[in-house]
Amino acid sequence: MLSVRSSWLLGACLLAVGAWAQNANATAEKPVATAQEVVNDTTQRVMAVVVEASEYADEDPERYYQQVQAILDPVIDFRGFARSVMGPYASSERYRALDAQGQGRLRDQLDRFTEVMRVGLVRTYSKGLLAYGGSRIEVFAASDEEEAKGRASVRQLIYSGQPEPYVLFYQMGRSKSGEWQLRNVIIESVNLGEIYRNQFEASARKNDGDLDAVIDGWETVEVKTAEGES
């Protein structure tokens, strides 16, 4: 499991990819950004928001959340992430096996869960970003082969007063329009998508497969590990 400190850093991973990717393709004069460029340039933009927010976040947290949300919405594939977390409960095979009414209900459930994940992730993890303002960050390019396939893993090191940096991997993919989107994050070998998929499956079993109950009771928990615990 991730430590409290690492969970906040995991939030930083999610919040480090933003709207710059959209701007990179806004005009024909600009070349398409690489996955590394998206992560590197947008990290700087997001951390600038974090530095500014340290002065007002306690008094006006909604302002902070909205600024973070506005950066994330264009490029994080929240729907794809939510569907992955739902696992077999939102698979293509299950969808095709349902009648028309069941398919409509599953689409509605996926829509609702996407919004739950979207809001929950930002609110849970943006709080912890405030502790990482001013940290030194290095970003390394994905291979040309990965970039060509449209799926890339970008490595990032974050130095935050510890002897060794935190090692993160952004799993990214190209959207239909050709822009890079964040699909998943791995920190110190801990896969965020898998953590939440296990949480969803456990809740589904507890609620006898009632997905509405799972979604209604969902909490975007802080992912913790024994590391750093006293």
Protein backbone atom coordinates (compact mmCIF):
# COMPACT_ATOMS: atom_id res chain seq x y z
CA MET A 1 0.00 0.00 0.00
CA LEU A 2 1.00 3.61 -0.45
CA SER A 3 1.96 5.86 2.46
CA VAL A 4 -0.03 8.98 3.20
CA ARG A 5 2.85 11.02 1.81
CA SER A 6 2.98 8.87 -1.29
CA SER A 7 -0.78 9.08 -1.75
CA TRP A 8 -0.53 12.84 -1.93
CA LEU A 9 2.22 12.45 -4.48
CA LEU A 10 -0.01 10.11 -6.40
CA GLY A 11 -2.47 12.94 -6.52
CA ALA A 12 0.26 15.13 -7.91
CA CYS A 13 0.72 12.63 -10.71
CA LEU A 14 -2.90 12.87 -11.72
CA LEU A 15 -2.89 16.61 -11.52
CA ALA A 16 0.29 17.09 -13.49
CA VAL A 17 -1.26 16.48 -16.88
CA GLY A 18 -3.48 19.26 -18.20
CA ALA A 19 -4.71 21.52 -20.91
CA TRP A 20 -1.38 22.19 -22.60
CA ALA A 21 -1.93 19.11 -24.73
CA GLN A 22 -5.02 20.71 -26.19
CA ASN A 23 -3.18 23.96 -26.87
CA ALA A 24 -0.36 22.09 -28.61
CA ASN A 25 -2.71 21.05 -31.39
CA ALA A 26 -4.76 24.25 -31.48
CA THR A 27 -2.93 25.67 -34.50
CA ALA A 28 -1.41 24.11 -37.59
CA GLU A 29 1.84 25.98 -36.98
CA LYS A 30 2.65 23.99 -33.86
CA PRO A 31 3.89 20.40 -34.10
CA VAL A 32 2.08 17.67 -32.22
CA ALA A 33 3.45 17.48 -28.68
CA THR A 34 5.18 14.33 -27.50
CA ALA A 35 3.95 12.59 -24.37
CA GLN A 36 7.02 13.84 -22.50
CA GLU A 37 6.36 17.43 -23.56
CA VAL A 38 2.78 17.21 -22.37
CA VAL A 39 3.83 15.97 -18.94
CA ASN A 40 6.81 18.29 -18.60
CA ASP A 41 5.21 21.54 -19.71
CA THR A 42 1.92 20.94 -17.96
CA THR A 43 3.60 19.99 -14.70
CA GLN A 44 5.02 23.49 -14.60
CA ARG A 45 1.61 25.03 -15.25
CA VAL A 46 -0.14 22.98 -12.60
CA MET A 47 2.53 23.58 -9.98
CA ALA A 48 2.20 27.32 -10.63
CA VAL A 49 -1.46 26.96 -9.65
CA VAL A 50 -0.43 25.04 -6.54
CA VAL A 51 2.02 27.75 -5.45
CA GLU A 52 -0.63 30.43 -5.86
CA ALA A 53 -3.28 28.32 -4.12
CA SER A 54 -1.15 27.99 -0.98
CA GLU A 55 -2.21 31.55 -0.16
CA TYR A 56 -5.97 31.01 -0.37
CA ALA A 57 -6.84 27.30 -0.44
CA ASP A 58 -7.70 27.09 3.26
CA GLU A 59 -10.19 29.94 3.00
CA ASP A 60 -11.54 29.17 -0.49
CA PRO A 61 -10.94 25.51 -1.36
CA GLU A 62 -13.66 25.50 -4.05
CA ARG A 63 -11.70 28.08 -6.04
CA TYR A 64 -8.68 25.79 -5.92
CA TYR A 65 -10.63 22.68 -6.89
CA GLN A 66 -12.23 24.46 -9.83
CA GLN A 67 -8.88 25.64 -11.16
CA VAL A 68 -7.47 22.13 -10.94
CA GLN A 69 -10.60 20.61 -12.48
CA ALA A 70 -10.47 23.03 -15.41
CA ILE A 71 -6.92 21.91 -16.20
CA LEU A 72 -7.66 18.20 -15.95
CA ASP A 73 -10.96 17.89 -17.75
CA PRO A 74 -9.70 18.29 -21.33
CA VAL A 75 -7.08 15.58 -21.25
CA ILE A 76 -7.65 13.00 -18.53
CA ASP A 77 -9.75 10.15 -19.85
CA PHE A 78 -12.04 10.02 -16.82
CA ARG A 79 -14.62 7.86 -18.58
CA GLY A 80 -12.02 5.35 -19.71
CA PHE A 81 -10.54 5.29 -16.23
CA ALA A 82 -13.98 4.79 -14.62
CA ARG A 83 -14.81 1.98 -17.02
CA SER A 84 -11.50 0.30 -16.25
CA VAL A 85 -12.21 0.56 -12.51
CA MET A 86 -15.63 -1.04 -13.04
CA GLY A 87 -13.81 -3.94 -14.73
CA PRO A 88 -16.04 -6.83 -15.85
CA TYR A 89 -19.15 -4.97 -14.68
CA ALA A 90 -18.71 -2.51 -17.57
CA SER A 91 -17.05 -4.77 -20.12
CA SER A 92 -18.12 -4.95 -23.75
CA GLU A 93 -19.05 -8.59 -23.25
CA ARG A 94 -21.42 -7.78 -20.40
CA TYR A 95 -22.93 -4.86 -22.31
CA ARG A 96 -23.67 -7.01 -25.36
CA ALA A 97 -25.27 -9.68 -23.17
CA LEU A 98 -27.83 -7.22 -21.79
CA ASP A 99 -31.16 -6.32 -23.36
CA ALA A 100 -31.84 -2.75 -24.51
CA GLN A 101 -33.12 -1.68 -21.11
CA GLY A 102 -30.12 -3.18 -19.35
CA GLN A 103 -27.71 -1.54 -21.76
CA GLY A 104 -29.29 1.84 -21.13
CA ARG A 105 -29.03 1.33 -17.40
CA LEU A 106 -25.36 0.35 -17.67
CA ARG A 107 -24.61 3.46 -19.75
CA ASP A 108 -26.27 5.59 -17.09
CA GLN A 109 -24.28 3.85 -14.36
CA LEU A 110 -21.02 4.45 -16.22
CA ASP A 111 -21.94 8.11 -16.68
CA ARG A 112 -22.66 8.49 -12.99
CA PHE A 113 -19.53 6.67 -11.90
CA THR A 114 -17.40 8.73 -14.27
CA GLU A 115 -18.62 11.90 -12.58
CA VAL A 116 -18.10 10.40 -9.11
CA MET A 117 -14.52 9.49 -9.99
CA ARG A 118 -13.88 12.83 -11.70
CA VAL A 119 -14.93 14.91 -8.72
CA GLY A 120 -13.61 12.54 -6.07
CA LEU A 121 -10.11 12.20 -7.48
CA VAL A 122 -9.61 15.92 -7.88
CA ARG A 123 -10.95 16.84 -4.46
CA THR A 124 -9.13 14.06 -2.65
CA TYR A 125 -5.72 14.49 -4.18
CA SER A 126 -5.53 18.20 -4.95
CA LYS A 127 -5.40 18.82 -1.21
CA GLY A 128 -2.08 17.04 -1.00
CA LEU A 129 -0.55 18.93 -3.90
CA LEU A 130 -0.04 21.94 -1.64
CA ALA A 131 2.80 20.10 0.10
CA TYR A 132 4.75 19.72 -3.16
CA GLY A 133 5.03 23.29 -4.36
CA GLY A 134 8.64 24.02 -5.31
CA SER A 135 9.70 20.38 -5.61
CA ARG A 136 12.30 19.56 -8.25
CA ILE A 137 10.84 17.40 -11.01
CA GLU A 138 12.48 15.53 -13.89
CA VAL A 139 10.59 14.01 -16.80
CA PHE A 140 12.00 11.42 -19.21
CA ALA A 141 10.84 10.70 -22.73
CA ALA A 142 8.98 7.59 -23.76
CA SER A 143 10.56 5.55 -26.53
CA ASP A 144 9.93 6.44 -30.15
CA GLU A 145 8.39 3.00 -30.60
CA GLU A 146 5.85 3.65 -27.84
CA GLU A 147 5.01 7.07 -29.24
CA ALA A 148 4.44 5.56 -32.68
CA LYS A 149 2.01 2.99 -31.26
CA GLY A 150 -0.05 5.69 -29.57
CA ARG A 151 0.51 4.36 -26.05
CA ALA A 152 3.41 5.63 -23.95
CA SER A 153 4.74 5.38 -20.41
CA VAL A 154 6.45 8.58 -19.27
CA ARG A 155 8.78 8.33 -16.26
CA GLN A 156 8.92 11.18 -13.77
CA LEU A 157 11.14 11.72 -10.73
CA ILE A 158 10.01 14.03 -7.93
CA TYR A 159 12.55 15.22 -5.38
CA SER A 160 10.90 16.35 -2.18
CA GLY A 161 13.50 16.38 0.58
CA GLN A 162 13.99 12.60 0.63
CA PRO A 163 17.27 10.76 -0.10
CA GLU A 164 15.72 9.10 -3.15
CA PRO A 165 13.17 10.62 -5.53
CA TYR A 166 9.68 9.28 -5.97
CA VAL A 167 9.41 7.36 -9.25
CA LEU A 168 6.21 7.71 -11.21
CA PHE A 169 5.00 6.42 -14.54
CA TYR A 170 2.24 8.12 -16.50
CA GLN A 171 0.45 5.66 -18.74
CA MET A 172 -0.80 7.73 -21.63
CA GLY A 173 -2.62 7.13 -24.88
CA ARG A 174 -3.66 9.14 -27.89
CA SER A 175 -7.27 10.21 -28.23
CA LYS A 176 -9.13 9.90 -31.52
CA SER A 177 -8.11 13.48 -32.29
CA GLY A 178 -4.44 12.61 -31.76
CA GLU A 179 -3.87 14.28 -28.40
CA TRP A 180 -2.20 12.52 -25.49
CA GLN A 181 -4.48 11.66 -22.57
CA LEU A 182 -3.65 10.30 -19.15
CA ARG A 183 -5.06 6.79 -18.72
CA ASN A 184 -3.44 5.57 -15.51
CA VAL A 185 -0.64 6.29 -13.02
CA ILE A 186 1.88 4.00 -11.34
CA ILE A 187 3.90 5.18 -8.36
CA GLU A 188 6.64 3.09 -6.80
CA SER A 189 5.16 -0.02 -8.51
CA VAL A 190 1.66 0.67 -7.16
CA ASN A 191 -0.96 0.80 -9.91
CA LEU A 192 -3.72 3.31 -9.16
CA GLY A 193 -6.17 1.72 -11.57
CA GLU A 194 -5.75 -1.70 -9.98
CA ILE A 195 -6.21 -0.29 -6.47
CA TYR A 196 -9.57 1.22 -7.36
CA ARG A 197 -10.65 -1.75 -9.47
CA ASN A 198 -10.14 -4.01 -6.46
CA GLN A 199 -12.12 -1.55 -4.34
CA PHE A 200 -14.99 -1.58 -6.83
CA GLU A 201 -15.07 -5.36 -7.11
CA ALA A 202 -15.05 -5.78 -3.32
CA SER A 203 -17.94 -3.34 -2.97
CA ALA A 204 -19.87 -5.05 -5.79
CA ARG A 205 -19.54 -8.40 -4.03
CA LYS A 206 -20.65 -6.85 -0.75
CA ASN A 207 -23.72 -5.38 -2.46
CA ASP A 208 -24.58 -8.55 -4.40
CA GLY A 209 -23.76 -6.95 -7.74
CA ASP A 210 -25.93 -3.87 -7.20
CA LEU A 211 -23.88 -1.29 -9.12
CA ASP A 212 -26.14 1.58 -8.12
CA ALA A 213 -25.39 0.84 -4.47
CA VAL A 214 -21.66 0.67 -5.22
CA ILE A 215 -21.71 4.02 -6.98
CA ASP A 216 -23.91 5.70 -4.36
CA GLY A 217 -21.56 4.58 -1.59
CA TRP A 218 -18.28 5.18 -3.41
CA GLU A 219 -15.53 7.05 -1.61
CA THR A 220 -12.30 7.97 -3.38
CA VAL A 221 -10.05 6.78 -0.60
CA GLU A 222 -6.48 7.78 0.06
CA VAL A 223 -4.26 4.91 -0.97
CA LYS A 224 -1.91 4.12 1.92
CA THR A 225 0.99 1.81 2.52
CA ALA A 226 3.01 0.65 5.45
CA GLU A 227 5.86 2.84 4.20
CA GLY A 228 6.13 5.93 6.35
CA GLU A 229 3.66 4.72 8.97
CA SER A 230 4.71 5.04 12.56
